[in-house]
């Protein structure tokens, strides 16, 4: 069993409760959400691993696509203009994000109706199939215009499935985690993201170093995408072995018959304030994320003329550093709160984006590493806090659906389009500092959102019973 009901009266942190870690007066459990539950550590670990692995597979693909963008441009979009090739490749990259809201509108409400675990298994199958298919597509030289059309179709399948992935995975971990460790456990979701990026970046770097240009163009570029097949099988196996989250199980138990369907309109109209906050938080999170991890490798090579292999090695090193810091930053959000950590990231990007990019433009390996490292440490403020902060914006009944809508609308409009928009802005203005200005604008929006959001660290999720660690319920009587 994933949880054990506890017929006790613990301290239940709420909107007016003290800061995380501080004592407060005892409160009776909210009868509307049921008695507190005690988590099963073994099941929690399995849930975190399964969710993080799915996220790693998703971002392995996105990382590979970004880092090998120049090669893909030559394979699928032949042109005498390298900038046009890169724009075409990033255009196909961005197209997947246009269908993400559609995927969120389908998978999110479905996850609130039939369960988180079933939908996450389905998105895993679709993601693996879309990525694997890219590795099988013939080149433009072989079938002409059909090649980019098939690439676009595969990207749309990926984008549609991804619409239900992040919101579902973060919801899954948040609903399994005990209240006082939700930040730490949620941070492992983005640990999976970074692991996927590192796997993709490392493989591309290795292939770039070992293969000739002709081999890379003829067959080498297919290898990373074909790896998605076995990765998807492993991820699906792990997700199929999981039980449903305690919060969702409690929602089902409340209903005497089948759970009523929550209309999509209600998910938006009843949660519009939380949705606006979600859009703002996801905007700063994803603009900075895609800028650093997806766009910067191409910026270093395409705009600054940096050696491709050395540029990828620097980005790879930054991601390894972020992975090391990630769990500690997640634990910090449990101690000091999500809001201070996210606010620090916004302030840092507002103040340091220009200096960091100037260091990167200096061109020396040390300067590039320092500039990229500074941006990476600021990004950790978001990667560590968002997986636990975003699910806490919505009640259990509509959490998956509302979070899917808000998250994917924001990613589609602002996050996934970042490489395309910044490349186009540089082309129009000739100003290579555009990446810094874009991150600063995102930081302003994110700062306003974090100012308006409520603190959620150490508190039960809205609409859910308190979730306790084994051995702590007796201390809270």
Protein backbone atom coordinates (compact mmCIF):
# COMPACT_ATOMS: atom_id res chain seq x y z
CA UNK A 1 0.00 0.00 0.00
CA UNK A 2 1.22 3.49 -0.78
CA UNK A 3 -0.27 5.18 2.27
CA UNK A 4 -1.71 4.33 5.64
CA UNK A 5 -4.56 6.44 7.07
CA UNK A 6 -3.69 7.97 10.44
CA UNK A 7 -6.52 8.72 12.83
CA UNK A 8 -4.57 11.43 14.65
CA UNK A 9 -4.71 15.22 14.91
CA UNK A 10 -1.42 16.50 13.54
CA UNK A 11 -0.23 20.01 13.00
CA UNK A 12 -1.56 20.75 9.52
CA UNK A 13 0.27 23.67 7.89
CA UNK A 14 -2.14 25.93 6.06
CA UNK A 15 -2.33 29.39 4.58
CA UNK A 16 -1.86 31.03 7.95
CA UNK A 17 0.65 28.56 9.38
CA UNK A 18 4.22 29.40 10.36
CA UNK A 19 7.21 29.11 8.08
CA UNK A 20 8.53 25.64 7.24
CA UNK A 21 10.29 24.00 10.13
CA UNK A 22 8.73 26.22 12.86
CA UNK A 23 6.30 24.98 15.43
CA UNK A 24 2.68 26.08 15.46
CA UNK A 25 -0.55 25.32 17.28
CA UNK A 26 -2.20 21.98 16.66
CA UNK A 27 -5.07 21.91 14.17
CA UNK A 28 -7.67 19.29 13.48
CA UNK A 29 -7.56 17.59 10.07
CA UNK A 30 -9.81 19.06 7.42
CA UNK A 31 -12.73 16.61 7.09
CA UNK A 32 -13.16 17.64 3.45
CA UNK A 33 -9.84 16.08 2.48
CA UNK A 34 -9.78 13.13 4.86
CA UNK A 35 -7.28 11.97 7.50
CA UNK A 36 -3.53 12.39 7.08
CA UNK A 37 -1.57 9.68 5.31
CA UNK A 38 1.83 8.20 6.01
CA UNK A 39 4.00 7.68 2.94
CA UNK A 40 5.74 4.45 2.04
CA UNK A 41 9.42 5.37 1.40
CA UNK A 42 9.94 2.49 -1.04
CA UNK A 43 6.96 3.49 -3.17
CA UNK A 44 7.97 7.14 -3.07
CA UNK A 45 11.44 6.26 -4.39
CA UNK A 46 9.92 4.17 -7.19
CA UNK A 47 7.56 6.98 -8.12
CA UNK A 48 10.39 9.50 -8.28
CA UNK A 49 12.58 7.20 -10.40
CA UNK A 50 9.81 6.41 -12.87
CA UNK A 51 8.80 10.05 -13.29
CA UNK A 52 12.39 11.27 -13.58
CA UNK A 53 13.30 8.63 -16.16
CA UNK A 54 10.41 9.67 -18.39
CA UNK A 55 11.50 13.27 -18.15
CA UNK A 56 15.07 12.24 -18.92
CA UNK A 57 13.96 10.51 -22.11
CA UNK A 58 11.96 13.54 -23.20
CA UNK A 59 14.85 15.91 -22.72
CA UNK A 60 17.40 13.51 -24.13
CA UNK A 61 15.60 13.99 -27.41
CA UNK A 62 15.30 17.77 -27.08
CA UNK A 63 18.94 18.00 -26.08
CA UNK A 64 20.10 15.91 -29.02
CA UNK A 65 17.91 17.91 -31.41
CA UNK A 66 19.36 21.20 -30.18
CA UNK A 67 22.99 20.12 -30.11
CA UNK A 68 22.91 18.48 -33.52
CA UNK A 69 20.76 21.23 -35.09
CA UNK A 70 23.44 22.31 -37.57
CA UNK A 71 23.76 18.74 -38.90
CA UNK A 72 19.98 18.26 -39.07
CA UNK A 73 19.72 21.49 -41.04
CA UNK A 74 22.03 20.06 -43.71
CA UNK A 75 20.23 16.70 -43.78
CA UNK A 76 16.63 17.95 -43.95
CA UNK A 77 16.84 21.56 -45.14
CA UNK A 78 19.56 21.89 -47.83
CA UNK A 79 20.41 25.53 -48.50
CA UNK A 80 23.41 27.63 -49.29
CA UNK A 81 22.61 29.85 -46.28
CA UNK A 82 23.64 28.36 -42.89
CA UNK A 83 21.38 30.81 -41.02
CA UNK A 84 18.39 29.73 -43.12
CA UNK A 85 19.18 26.09 -42.37
CA UNK A 86 19.39 26.77 -38.64
CA UNK A 87 16.14 28.75 -38.68
CA UNK A 88 14.38 25.92 -40.54
CA UNK A 89 15.65 23.35 -38.05
CA UNK A 90 14.60 25.44 -35.05
CA UNK A 91 11.29 26.07 -36.79
CA UNK A 92 10.59 22.32 -36.76
CA UNK A 93 11.77 22.31 -33.14
CA UNK A 94 9.31 25.09 -32.26
CA UNK A 95 6.45 23.46 -34.19
CA UNK A 96 6.27 20.68 -31.63
CA UNK A 97 5.50 23.27 -28.99
CA UNK A 98 2.52 24.58 -30.92
CA UNK A 99 0.66 21.30 -30.34
CA UNK A 100 1.73 20.95 -26.70
CA UNK A 101 -1.35 22.83 -25.42
CA UNK A 102 -3.54 20.43 -27.41
CA UNK A 103 -1.80 17.51 -25.76
CA UNK A 104 -2.23 19.16 -22.38
CA UNK A 105 -5.95 19.67 -23.03
CA UNK A 106 -6.31 15.98 -23.82
CA UNK A 107 -3.96 14.28 -21.37
CA UNK A 108 -4.42 16.68 -18.43
CA UNK A 109 -8.19 16.24 -17.94
CA UNK A 110 -7.78 12.54 -18.73
CA UNK A 111 -5.24 12.29 -15.91
CA UNK A 112 -7.73 13.87 -13.51
CA UNK A 113 -10.40 11.39 -14.61
CA UNK A 114 -8.74 8.00 -15.09
CA UNK A 115 -5.56 8.50 -13.07
CA UNK A 116 -2.04 9.90 -13.29
CA UNK A 117 -0.28 6.56 -13.73
CA UNK A 118 -2.24 5.42 -16.81
CA UNK A 119 -1.76 8.69 -18.66
CA UNK A 120 1.95 8.85 -17.88
CA UNK A 121 2.38 5.36 -19.33
CA UNK A 122 0.59 6.49 -22.51
CA UNK A 123 2.72 9.62 -22.94
CA UNK A 124 5.85 7.51 -22.49
CA UNK A 125 4.83 5.25 -25.40
CA UNK A 126 4.09 8.18 -27.70
CA UNK A 127 7.30 10.05 -26.85
CA UNK A 128 9.47 7.00 -27.51
CA UNK A 129 7.70 6.25 -30.79
CA UNK A 130 8.05 9.83 -32.08
CA UNK A 131 11.73 10.06 -31.22
CA UNK A 132 12.53 6.63 -32.63
CA UNK A 133 10.74 7.54 -35.86
CA UNK A 134 13.04 10.53 -36.46
CA UNK A 135 16.01 8.18 -36.62
CA UNK A 136 14.34 6.26 -39.46
CA UNK A 137 13.41 9.21 -41.72
CA UNK A 138 15.27 9.31 -45.08
CA UNK A 139 17.24 12.45 -45.87
CA UNK A 140 16.20 15.27 -48.18
CA UNK A 141 18.66 13.96 -50.76
CA UNK A 142 16.82 10.59 -50.76
CA UNK A 143 13.13 11.59 -50.89
CA UNK A 144 13.11 15.36 -51.31
CA UNK A 145 10.47 17.48 -49.61
CA UNK A 146 8.97 14.40 -47.95
CA UNK A 147 11.90 14.32 -45.51
CA UNK A 148 11.17 17.61 -43.72
CA UNK A 149 7.45 16.80 -43.78
CA UNK A 150 8.07 13.50 -42.00
CA UNK A 151 10.39 15.24 -39.55
CA UNK A 152 7.67 17.74 -38.76
CA UNK A 153 5.10 14.94 -38.30
CA UNK A 154 7.36 13.12 -35.84
CA UNK A 155 7.99 16.36 -33.95
CA UNK A 156 4.23 16.95 -33.70
CA UNK A 157 3.75 13.48 -32.18
CA UNK A 158 6.48 14.28 -29.66
CA UNK A 159 4.96 17.66 -28.86
CA UNK A 160 1.46 16.25 -28.41
CA UNK A 161 2.66 13.56 -25.99
CA UNK A 162 4.89 15.99 -24.12
CA UNK A 163 1.78 18.06 -23.43
CA UNK A 164 0.86 15.55 -20.73
CA UNK A 165 4.35 14.63 -19.54
CA UNK A 166 5.81 17.34 -17.32
CA UNK A 167 2.56 18.30 -15.59
CA UNK A 168 1.78 14.64 -14.97
CA UNK A 169 5.26 13.77 -13.73
CA UNK A 170 5.46 16.75 -11.37
CA UNK A 171 1.93 16.06 -10.12
CA UNK A 172 2.80 12.40 -9.61
CA UNK A 173 5.85 13.15 -7.47
CA UNK A 174 4.15 15.98 -5.57
CA UNK A 175 1.19 13.78 -4.64
CA UNK A 176 3.44 10.93 -3.48
CA UNK A 177 5.91 13.06 -1.51
CA UNK A 178 5.55 13.89 2.20
CA UNK A 179 4.80 17.58 2.72
CA UNK A 180 8.12 18.40 4.38
CA UNK A 181 10.24 16.80 1.62
CA UNK A 182 8.27 17.72 -1.49
CA UNK A 183 10.89 20.20 -2.67
CA UNK A 184 13.76 17.74 -2.35
CA UNK A 185 11.90 14.86 -4.00
CA UNK A 186 10.45 17.09 -6.73
CA UNK A 187 13.93 18.35 -7.60
CA UNK A 188 14.82 14.87 -8.86
CA UNK A 189 12.40 15.41 -11.74
CA UNK A 190 14.67 18.13 -13.10
CA UNK A 191 17.66 15.99 -12.19
CA UNK A 192 16.22 13.62 -14.79
CA UNK A 193 15.92 16.50 -17.23
CA UNK A 194 19.58 17.36 -16.78
CA UNK A 195 20.57 13.70 -17.04
CA UNK A 196 18.72 13.50 -20.35
CA UNK A 197 20.41 16.64 -21.61
CA UNK A 198 23.81 15.36 -20.51
CA UNK A 199 23.17 12.02 -22.20
CA UNK A 200 22.18 13.77 -25.42
CA UNK A 201 24.98 16.34 -25.27
CA UNK A 202 27.60 13.76 -24.36
CA UNK A 203 26.60 11.47 -27.19
CA UNK A 204 26.59 14.30 -29.75
CA UNK A 205 29.96 15.51 -28.47
CA UNK A 206 31.40 12.01 -28.74
CA UNK A 207 30.05 11.54 -32.26
CA UNK A 208 31.31 14.96 -33.35
CA UNK A 209 34.77 14.11 -32.08
CA UNK A 210 34.96 10.56 -33.47
CA UNK A 211 33.02 10.70 -36.75
CA UNK A 212 33.94 12.50 -39.92
CA UNK A 213 31.56 15.15 -41.22
CA UNK A 214 30.43 12.83 -44.02
CA UNK A 215 29.71 9.95 -41.62
CA UNK A 216 27.81 12.26 -39.27
CA UNK A 217 25.67 13.54 -42.14
CA UNK A 218 25.05 10.13 -43.71
CA UNK A 219 24.23 7.94 -40.71
CA UNK A 220 25.76 9.15 -37.43
CA UNK A 221 23.00 11.64 -36.64
CA UNK A 222 20.46 8.81 -36.46
CA UNK A 223 22.06 7.02 -33.50
CA UNK A 224 20.78 9.29 -30.68
CA UNK A 225 17.19 9.10 -31.91
CA UNK A 226 17.22 5.31 -32.31
CA UNK A 227 18.36 4.95 -28.69
CA UNK A 228 14.95 6.28 -27.62
CA UNK A 229 13.35 2.93 -28.42
CA UNK A 230 14.93 0.85 -25.63
CA UNK A 231 14.83 3.83 -23.26
CA UNK A 232 11.07 4.06 -23.78
CA UNK A 233 10.58 0.35 -23.05
CA UNK A 234 12.46 0.68 -19.75
CA UNK A 235 10.51 3.79 -18.75
CA UNK A 236 7.20 2.18 -19.64
CA UNK A 237 8.04 -0.88 -17.52
CA UNK A 238 8.80 1.29 -14.50
CA UNK A 239 5.65 3.37 -14.88
CA UNK A 240 3.38 0.37 -15.35
CA UNK A 241 4.58 -1.05 -12.01
CA UNK A 242 3.50 2.02 -10.05
CA UNK A 243 0.36 2.43 -7.98
CA UNK A 244 -1.90 5.45 -8.30
CA UNK A 245 -1.03 8.47 -6.15
CA UNK A 246 -2.59 8.65 -2.66
CA UNK A 247 -4.19 12.02 -3.44
CA UNK A 248 -5.92 10.72 -6.56
CA UNK A 249 -6.95 7.52 -4.80
CA UNK A 250 -8.56 9.62 -2.06
CA UNK A 251 -10.45 11.65 -4.70
CA UNK A 252 -11.79 8.44 -6.22
CA UNK A 253 -12.80 7.16 -2.79
CA UNK A 254 -14.86 10.28 -2.17
CA UNK A 255 -17.16 9.47 -5.06
CA UNK A 256 -19.78 6.74 -4.56
CA UNK A 257 -19.88 6.14 -8.31
CA UNK A 258 -17.65 6.97 -11.25
CA UNK A 259 -15.74 10.24 -10.87
CA UNK A 260 -17.62 13.06 -12.60
CA UNK A 261 -15.94 14.58 -15.62
CA UNK A 262 -14.55 18.06 -14.99
CA UNK A 263 -15.26 20.23 -18.05
CA UNK A 264 -12.24 21.85 -19.65
CA UNK A 265 -13.93 25.21 -19.34
CA UNK A 266 -14.24 24.76 -15.57
CA UNK A 267 -10.53 23.95 -15.31
CA UNK A 268 -9.81 27.35 -16.81
CA UNK A 269 -12.56 29.59 -15.41
CA UNK A 270 -12.36 28.30 -11.85
CA UNK A 271 -8.58 28.46 -11.74
CA UNK A 272 -7.79 31.55 -13.83
CA UNK A 273 -5.72 33.30 -11.13
CA UNK A 274 -3.60 30.21 -10.53
CA UNK A 275 -3.28 29.69 -14.28
CA UNK A 276 -1.91 33.21 -14.78
CA UNK A 277 0.65 32.63 -12.02
CA UNK A 278 1.56 29.30 -13.59
CA UNK A 279 2.08 30.92 -17.00
CA UNK A 280 4.34 33.60 -15.50
CA UNK A 281 6.44 31.14 -13.49
CA UNK A 282 6.79 28.72 -16.38
CA UNK A 283 7.73 31.60 -18.70
CA UNK A 284 10.84 32.58 -16.75
CA UNK A 285 11.65 28.94 -16.04
CA UNK A 286 11.52 27.81 -19.66
CA UNK A 287 12.91 30.89 -21.42
CA UNK A 288 16.07 30.68 -19.32
CA UNK A 289 16.15 26.88 -19.54
CA UNK A 290 15.91 26.73 -23.33
CA UNK A 291 18.22 29.71 -23.71
CA UNK A 292 21.00 28.07 -21.74
CA UNK A 293 20.60 24.40 -22.56
CA UNK A 294 19.15 24.43 -26.08
CA UNK A 295 20.15 27.68 -27.74
CA UNK A 296 23.60 28.41 -26.33
CA UNK A 297 25.41 25.55 -28.12
CA UNK A 298 24.20 26.92 -31.47
CA UNK A 299 24.90 30.50 -30.35
CA UNK A 300 28.48 29.61 -29.50
CA UNK A 301 29.08 28.02 -32.89
CA UNK A 302 26.75 29.92 -35.22
CA UNK A 303 26.99 33.49 -33.88
CA UNK A 304 30.37 33.56 -32.14
CA UNK A 305 32.27 31.10 -34.34
CA UNK A 306 33.22 28.95 -31.35
CA UNK A 307 34.57 25.48 -31.97
CA UNK A 308 31.60 23.06 -31.93
CA UNK A 309 33.20 20.37 -29.78
CA UNK A 310 34.61 22.75 -27.18
CA UNK A 311 31.29 24.61 -27.00
CA UNK A 312 29.41 21.39 -26.27
CA UNK A 313 31.95 20.36 -23.63
CA UNK A 314 31.40 23.67 -21.78
CA UNK A 315 27.62 23.22 -21.80
CA UNK A 316 28.03 19.63 -20.68
CA UNK A 317 30.18 20.76 -17.74
CA UNK A 318 27.59 23.34 -16.72
CA UNK A 319 24.86 20.70 -16.70
CA UNK A 320 26.97 18.34 -14.58
CA UNK A 321 27.47 21.19 -12.09
CA UNK A 322 23.72 21.84 -12.08
CA UNK A 323 23.01 18.15 -11.41
CA UNK A 324 25.34 18.18 -8.41
CA UNK A 325 23.67 21.25 -6.91
CA UNK A 326 20.08 20.29 -7.83
CA UNK A 327 19.11 18.02 -4.87
CA UNK A 328 20.68 20.41 -2.34
CA UNK A 329 18.75 23.33 -3.84
CA UNK A 330 15.55 21.25 -3.71
CA UNK A 331 16.14 20.55 -0.02
CA UNK A 332 16.74 24.28 0.50
CA UNK A 333 13.26 25.05 -0.82
CA UNK A 334 11.85 22.80 1.92
CA UNK A 335 13.74 24.82 4.56
CA UNK A 336 13.36 28.42 3.41
CA UNK A 337 10.41 28.11 1.01
CA UNK A 338 9.86 28.06 -2.75
CA UNK A 339 9.26 31.81 -3.09
CA UNK A 340 12.66 33.05 -1.83
CA UNK A 341 14.53 30.59 -4.06
CA UNK A 342 12.55 31.46 -7.20
CA UNK A 343 12.80 35.19 -6.42
CA UNK A 344 16.58 34.89 -6.09
CA UNK A 345 16.74 33.31 -9.55
CA UNK A 346 14.67 36.11 -11.09
CA UNK A 347 16.79 38.82 -9.46
CA UNK A 348 19.95 37.06 -10.56
CA UNK A 349 18.92 36.85 -14.21
CA UNK A 350 17.86 40.49 -14.18
CA UNK A 351 21.21 41.63 -12.80
CA UNK A 352 23.68 39.14 -14.30
CA UNK A 353 22.41 38.23 -17.79
CA UNK A 354 24.37 40.99 -19.53
CA UNK A 355 27.64 40.46 -17.60
CA UNK A 356 27.40 36.69 -18.11
CA UNK A 357 26.85 37.03 -21.85
CA UNK A 358 29.72 39.51 -22.12
CA UNK A 359 31.95 36.90 -20.49
CA UNK A 360 30.68 34.28 -22.93
CA UNK A 361 31.39 36.61 -25.87
CA UNK A 362 34.95 37.08 -24.65
CA UNK A 363 35.63 33.75 -26.31
CA UNK A 364 38.26 32.32 -23.97
CA UNK A 365 37.46 28.94 -22.48
CA UNK A 366 37.63 30.29 -18.90
CA UNK A 367 35.39 33.28 -19.63
CA UNK A 368 32.81 31.13 -21.43
CA UNK A 369 32.82 28.60 -18.59
CA UNK A 370 32.35 31.30 -15.91
CA UNK A 371 29.55 33.01 -17.83
CA UNK A 372 27.71 29.77 -18.57
CA UNK A 373 28.28 28.51 -15.02
CA UNK A 374 26.75 31.66 -13.54
CA UNK A 375 23.64 31.29 -15.69
CA UNK A 376 23.46 27.59 -14.80
CA UNK A 377 23.50 28.28 -11.06
CA UNK A 378 20.72 30.85 -11.48
CA UNK A 379 18.70 28.34 -13.49
CA UNK A 380 18.96 25.85 -10.62
CA UNK A 381 16.77 28.22 -8.58
CA UNK A 382 13.96 27.34 -10.98
CA UNK A 383 14.73 23.69 -11.71
CA UNK A 384 14.85 22.94 -7.97
CA UNK A 385 11.69 24.80 -6.95
CA UNK A 386 9.23 24.58 -9.84
CA UNK A 387 8.41 20.82 -9.71
CA UNK A 388 7.02 21.30 -6.20
CA UNK A 389 5.73 24.89 -6.54
CA UNK A 390 3.64 24.45 -9.70
CA UNK A 391 1.45 21.48 -8.59
CA UNK A 392 0.71 23.35 -5.35
CA UNK A 393 -1.08 26.08 -7.32
CA UNK A 394 -4.08 23.82 -8.05
CA UNK A 395 -6.46 21.57 -6.06
CA UNK A 396 -6.31 17.80 -6.49
CA UNK A 397 -9.55 17.55 -8.46
CA UNK A 398 -8.17 19.57 -11.41
CA UNK A 399 -4.43 19.57 -10.69
CA UNK A 400 -3.24 17.52 -13.67
CA UNK A 401 -5.55 19.25 -16.16
CA UNK A 402 -5.10 22.85 -15.03
CA UNK A 403 -1.34 22.50 -14.64
CA UNK A 404 -1.09 20.89 -18.09
CA UNK A 405 -2.96 23.80 -19.66
CA UNK A 406 -1.04 26.57 -17.91
CA UNK A 407 2.34 24.91 -18.31
CA UNK A 408 2.00 24.05 -21.98
CA UNK A 409 0.47 27.35 -23.07
CA UNK A 410 3.42 29.15 -21.50
CA UNK A 411 6.03 26.75 -22.91
CA UNK A 412 4.50 26.91 -26.38
CA UNK A 413 4.33 30.69 -26.52
CA UNK A 414 7.59 31.53 -24.80
CA UNK A 415 9.83 28.55 -23.93
CA UNK A 416 10.06 26.37 -27.01
CA UNK A 417 10.10 29.37 -29.34
CA UNK A 418 13.12 30.89 -27.56
CA UNK A 419 15.81 29.58 -29.97
CA UNK A 420 13.77 30.61 -33.02
CA UNK A 421 12.83 34.06 -31.70
CA UNK A 422 16.32 34.95 -30.47
CA UNK A 423 17.94 33.74 -33.70
CA UNK A 424 15.48 35.86 -35.68
CA UNK A 425 16.00 38.92 -33.44
CA UNK A 426 19.75 38.72 -33.87
CA UNK A 427 19.26 38.43 -37.62
CA UNK A 428 16.99 41.51 -37.72
CA UNK A 429 18.86 43.75 -35.28
CA UNK A 430 22.40 42.45 -35.62
CA UNK A 431 22.69 42.70 -31.82
CA UNK A 432 24.33 39.56 -30.43
CA UNK A 433 23.32 40.62 -26.89
CA UNK A 434 19.69 39.70 -27.58
CA UNK A 435 19.86 36.49 -25.48
CA UNK A 436 20.65 38.58 -22.37
CA UNK A 437 17.83 41.06 -23.01
CA UNK A 438 15.37 38.22 -23.58
CA UNK A 439 16.29 36.55 -20.28
CA UNK A 440 16.01 39.87 -18.42
CA UNK A 441 12.50 40.44 -19.77
CA UNK A 442 11.50 36.93 -18.67
CA UNK A 443 12.93 37.60 -15.19
CA UNK A 444 10.67 40.64 -14.79
CA UNK A 445 7.58 38.56 -15.60
CA UNK A 446 8.69 35.75 -13.29
CA UNK A 447 9.43 38.19 -10.48
CA UNK A 448 5.89 39.54 -10.61
CA UNK A 449 4.45 36.00 -10.57
CA UNK A 450 6.50 34.92 -7.54
CA UNK A 451 5.47 38.11 -5.73
CA UNK A 452 1.80 37.15 -6.17
CA UNK A 453 2.08 33.43 -5.39
CA UNK A 454 1.52 31.90 -1.94
CA UNK A 455 4.19 29.90 -0.14
CA UNK A 456 3.58 26.13 -0.28
CA UNK A 457 6.64 24.62 1.40
CA UNK A 458 5.83 22.23 4.25
CA UNK A 459 2.07 22.47 3.64
CA UNK A 460 -0.43 19.95 2.23
CA UNK A 461 -1.33 20.28 -1.41
CA UNK A 462 -4.64 22.10 -1.96
CA UNK A 463 -7.51 19.63 -1.74
CA UNK A 464 -5.27 16.86 -0.39
CA UNK A 465 -4.80 15.44 3.09
CA UNK A 466 -1.53 16.09 4.94
CA UNK A 467 1.18 13.68 3.85
CA UNK A 468 3.57 12.57 6.61
CA UNK A 469 6.80 10.62 6.78
CA UNK A 470 6.83 7.37 8.78
CA UNK A 471 7.43 8.06 12.47
CA UNK A 472 6.42 11.72 12.34
CA UNK A 473 2.70 11.36 13.00
CA UNK A 474 3.23 10.64 16.69
CA UNK A 475 5.26 13.84 17.07
CA UNK A 476 2.38 15.91 15.68
CA UNK A 477 -0.40 14.78 18.04
